Amino acid sequence: MPTTRHEVIVGLHITDESSYTTYRAHMTPLLESMGGEFRYDMRIAEHLKGEADEPFTRLFIIAFPDEPTKDRFFADERYQRIRQAHFENAVSSHTIISTYDTTS
């Protein structure tokens, strides 16, 4: 039976790699507990074209079982505390490039 996922392509400009690494270490268990995962994750060496305010230094695809799960994850108090403690000072800008549903 096909599996449907809701995915988001995100570009970040990371200014503090250490804090961002701590953020990911703390938020990933919560993400996985809700059935989410990082499908792709890459550091960007050169940004040739884009509409973002700053060039990306990180690009990833984050996947959830469905859009309501994504919304619950980002609204979760635990996630909000992690984000405030580690993400806010580590990332100077973020861009949602695309959201979509996929079936595999």
C-alpha atoms as a PDB file:
ATOM      1  CA  MET A   1       0.000   0.000   0.000  1.00  0.00           C
ATOM      2  CA  PRO A   2       1.396   3.460  -0.923  1.00  0.00           C
ATOM      3  CA  THR A   3       2.624   5.760   1.810  1.00  0.00           C
ATOM      4  CA  THR A   4       1.638   9.431   1.716  1.00  0.00           C
ATOM      5  CA  ARG A   5       3.794  12.092   3.348  1.00  0.00           C
ATOM      6  CA  HIS A   6       3.631  15.843   3.724  1.00  0.00           C
ATOM      7  CA  GLU A   7       7.051  17.342   2.977  1.00  0.00           C
ATOM      8  CA  VAL A   8       8.598  20.781   3.354  1.00  0.00           C
ATOM      9  CA  ILE A   9      11.732  22.028   1.577  1.00  0.00           C
ATOM     10  CA  VAL A  10      13.519  24.547   3.811  1.00  0.00           C
ATOM     11  CA  GLY A  11      16.524  26.795   3.277  1.00  0.00           C
ATOM     12  CA  LEU A  12      18.369  28.315   6.248  1.00  0.00           C
ATOM     13  CA  HIS A  13      21.161  30.793   6.743  1.00  0.00           C
ATOM     14  CA  ILE A  14      22.934  29.424   9.819  1.00  0.00           C
ATOM     15  CA  THR A  15      25.165  31.829  11.737  1.00  0.00           C
ATOM     16  CA  ASP A  16      25.998  29.607  14.737  1.00  0.00           C
ATOM     17  CA  GLU A  17      26.622  26.006  13.723  1.00  0.00           C
ATOM     18  CA  SER A  18      27.133  24.815  17.305  1.00  0.00           C
ATOM     19  CA  SER A  19      23.774  26.140  18.507  1.00  0.00           C
ATOM     20  CA  TYR A  20      22.045  24.790  15.415  1.00  0.00           C
ATOM     21  CA  THR A  21      23.556  21.351  16.033  1.00  0.00           C
ATOM     22  CA  THR A  22      22.230  21.493  19.609  1.00  0.00           C
ATOM     23  CA  TYR A  23      18.799  22.521  18.305  1.00  0.00           C
ATOM     24  CA  ARG A  24      18.697  19.555  15.927  1.00  0.00           C
ATOM     25  CA  ALA A  25      19.835  17.137  18.649  1.00  0.00           C
ATOM     26  CA  HIS A  26      16.991  18.279  20.914  1.00  0.00           C
ATOM     27  CA  MET A  27      14.190  18.546  18.349  1.00  0.00           C
ATOM     28  CA  THR A  28      14.847  15.361  16.351  1.00  0.00           C
ATOM     29  CA  PRO A  29      13.539  12.926  19.027  1.00  0.00           C
ATOM     30  CA  LEU A  30      10.291  14.931  19.227  1.00  0.00           C
ATOM     31  CA  LEU A  31      10.052  15.003  15.429  1.00  0.00           C
ATOM     32  CA  GLU A  32      10.564  11.245  15.211  1.00  0.00           C
ATOM     33  CA  SER A  33       8.047  10.584  18.009  1.00  0.00           C
ATOM     34  CA  MET A  34       5.426  12.219  15.760  1.00  0.00           C
ATOM     35  CA  GLY A  35       6.403  10.136  12.742  1.00  0.00           C
ATOM     36  CA  GLY A  36       8.521  12.848  11.130  1.00  0.00           C
ATOM     37  CA  GLU A  37      12.007  12.651   9.675  1.00  0.00           C
ATOM     38  CA  PHE A  38      14.651  14.533   7.746  1.00  0.00           C
ATOM     39  CA  ARG A  39      14.687  12.943   4.278  1.00  0.00           C
ATOM     40  CA  TYR A  40      17.546  15.042   2.915  1.00  0.00           C
ATOM     41  CA  ASP A  41      19.907  17.427   4.684  1.00  0.00           C
ATOM     42  CA  MET A  42      22.799  19.287   3.089  1.00  0.00           C
ATOM     43  CA  ARG A  43      25.219  22.128   3.626  1.00  0.00           C
ATOM     44  CA  ILE A  44      25.289  24.574   0.724  1.00  0.00           C
ATOM     45  CA  ALA A  45      28.657  25.750  -0.570  1.00  0.00           C
ATOM     46  CA  GLU A  46      27.426  28.100  -3.286  1.00  0.00           C
ATOM     47  CA  HIS A  47      24.057  29.762  -3.780  1.00  0.00           C
ATOM     48  CA  LEU A  48      23.651  30.668  -7.461  1.00  0.00           C
ATOM     49  CA  LYS A  49      20.104  32.050  -7.548  1.00  0.00           C
ATOM     50  CA  GLY A  50      17.241  32.560  -5.153  1.00  0.00           C
ATOM     51  CA  GLU A  51      14.549  34.832  -3.805  1.00  0.00           C
ATOM     52  CA  ALA A  52      15.579  34.670  -0.137  1.00  0.00           C
ATOM     53  CA  ASP A  53      16.983  37.639   1.769  1.00  0.00           C
ATOM     54  CA  GLU A  54      20.214  35.768   2.520  1.00  0.00           C
ATOM     55  CA  PRO A  55      21.915  32.873   0.738  1.00  0.00           C
ATOM     56  CA  PHE A  56      21.274  29.442   2.227  1.00  0.00           C
ATOM     57  CA  THR A  57      23.955  27.610   4.125  1.00  0.00           C
ATOM     58  CA  ARG A  58      21.672  24.630   4.798  1.00  0.00           C
ATOM     59  CA  LEU A  59      18.914  22.997   2.767  1.00  0.00           C
ATOM     60  CA  PHE A  60      16.731  20.095   3.871  1.00  0.00           C
ATOM     61  CA  ILE A  61      13.502  18.240   3.297  1.00  0.00           C
ATOM     62  CA  ILE A  62      11.537  17.483   6.445  1.00  0.00           C
ATOM     63  CA  ALA A  63       8.703  14.949   6.140  1.00  0.00           C
ATOM     64  CA  PHE A  64       5.612  14.295   8.240  1.00  0.00           C
ATOM     65  CA  PRO A  65       2.874  11.668   7.952  1.00  0.00           C
ATOM     66  CA  ASP A  66       0.439  14.476   6.995  1.00  0.00           C
ATOM     67  CA  GLU A  67      -0.062  18.242   7.223  1.00  0.00           C
ATOM     68  CA  PRO A  68      -1.984  18.176  10.545  1.00  0.00           C
ATOM     69  CA  THR A  69       0.967  16.335  12.138  1.00  0.00           C
ATOM     70  CA  LYS A  70       3.340  19.009  10.825  1.00  0.00           C
ATOM     71  CA  ASP A  71       1.127  21.710  12.328  1.00  0.00           C
ATOM     72  CA  ARG A  72       0.968  19.893  15.699  1.00  0.00           C
ATOM     73  CA  PHE A  73       4.744  19.453  15.746  1.00  0.00           C
ATOM     74  CA  PHE A  74       5.531  23.128  15.160  1.00  0.00           C
ATOM     75  CA  ALA A  75       2.838  24.245  17.639  1.00  0.00           C
ATOM     76  CA  ASP A  76       3.977  21.815  20.350  1.00  0.00           C
ATOM     77  CA  GLU A  77       5.163  23.591  23.537  1.00  0.00           C
ATOM     78  CA  ARG A  78       8.223  21.335  23.762  1.00  0.00           C
ATOM     79  CA  TYR A  79       9.264  22.248  20.224  1.00  0.00           C
ATOM     80  CA  GLN A  80       8.664  25.951  20.888  1.00  0.00           C
ATOM     81  CA  ARG A  81      10.954  25.834  23.953  1.00  0.00           C
ATOM     82  CA  ILE A  82      13.695  24.063  21.978  1.00  0.00           C
ATOM     83  CA  ARG A  83      13.352  26.526  19.113  1.00  0.00           C
ATOM     84  CA  GLN A  84      13.549  29.548  21.399  1.00  0.00           C
ATOM     85  CA  ALA A  85      16.560  28.196  23.295  1.00  0.00           C
ATOM     86  CA  HIS A  86      18.666  27.085  20.311  1.00  0.00           C
ATOM     87  CA  PHE A  87      17.258  27.983  16.876  1.00  0.00           C
ATOM     88  CA  GLU A  88      16.552  31.701  17.274  1.00  0.00           C
ATOM     89  CA  ASN A  89      20.205  32.671  17.872  1.00  0.00           C
ATOM     90  CA  ALA A  90      21.626  30.129  15.420  1.00  0.00           C
ATOM     91  CA  VAL A  91      19.672  31.018  12.272  1.00  0.00           C
ATOM     92  CA  SER A  92      19.483  34.519  10.794  1.00  0.00           C
ATOM     93  CA  SER A  93      16.910  33.661   8.130  1.00  0.00           C
ATOM     94  CA  HIS A  94      14.802  30.773   6.924  1.00  0.00           C
ATOM     95  CA  THR A  95      12.767  30.233   3.786  1.00  0.00           C
ATOM     96  CA  ILE A  96      10.064  27.688   3.081  1.00  0.00           C
ATOM     97  CA  ILE A  97      10.776  26.851  -0.548  1.00  0.00           C
ATOM     98  CA  SER A  98       7.906  24.419  -1.036  1.00  0.00           C
ATOM     99  CA  THR A  99       5.373  22.223   0.743  1.00  0.00           C
ATOM    100  CA  TYR A 100       3.702  19.280  -0.937  1.00  0.00           C
ATOM    101  CA  ASP A 101       2.184  15.861  -0.442  1.00  0.00           C
ATOM    102  CA  THR A 102       3.926  12.875  -1.956  1.00  0.00           C
ATOM    103  CA  THR A 103       3.063   9.197  -2.319  1.00  0.00           C
ATOM    104  CA  SER A 104       5.676   6.464  -2.473  1.00  0.00           C
END
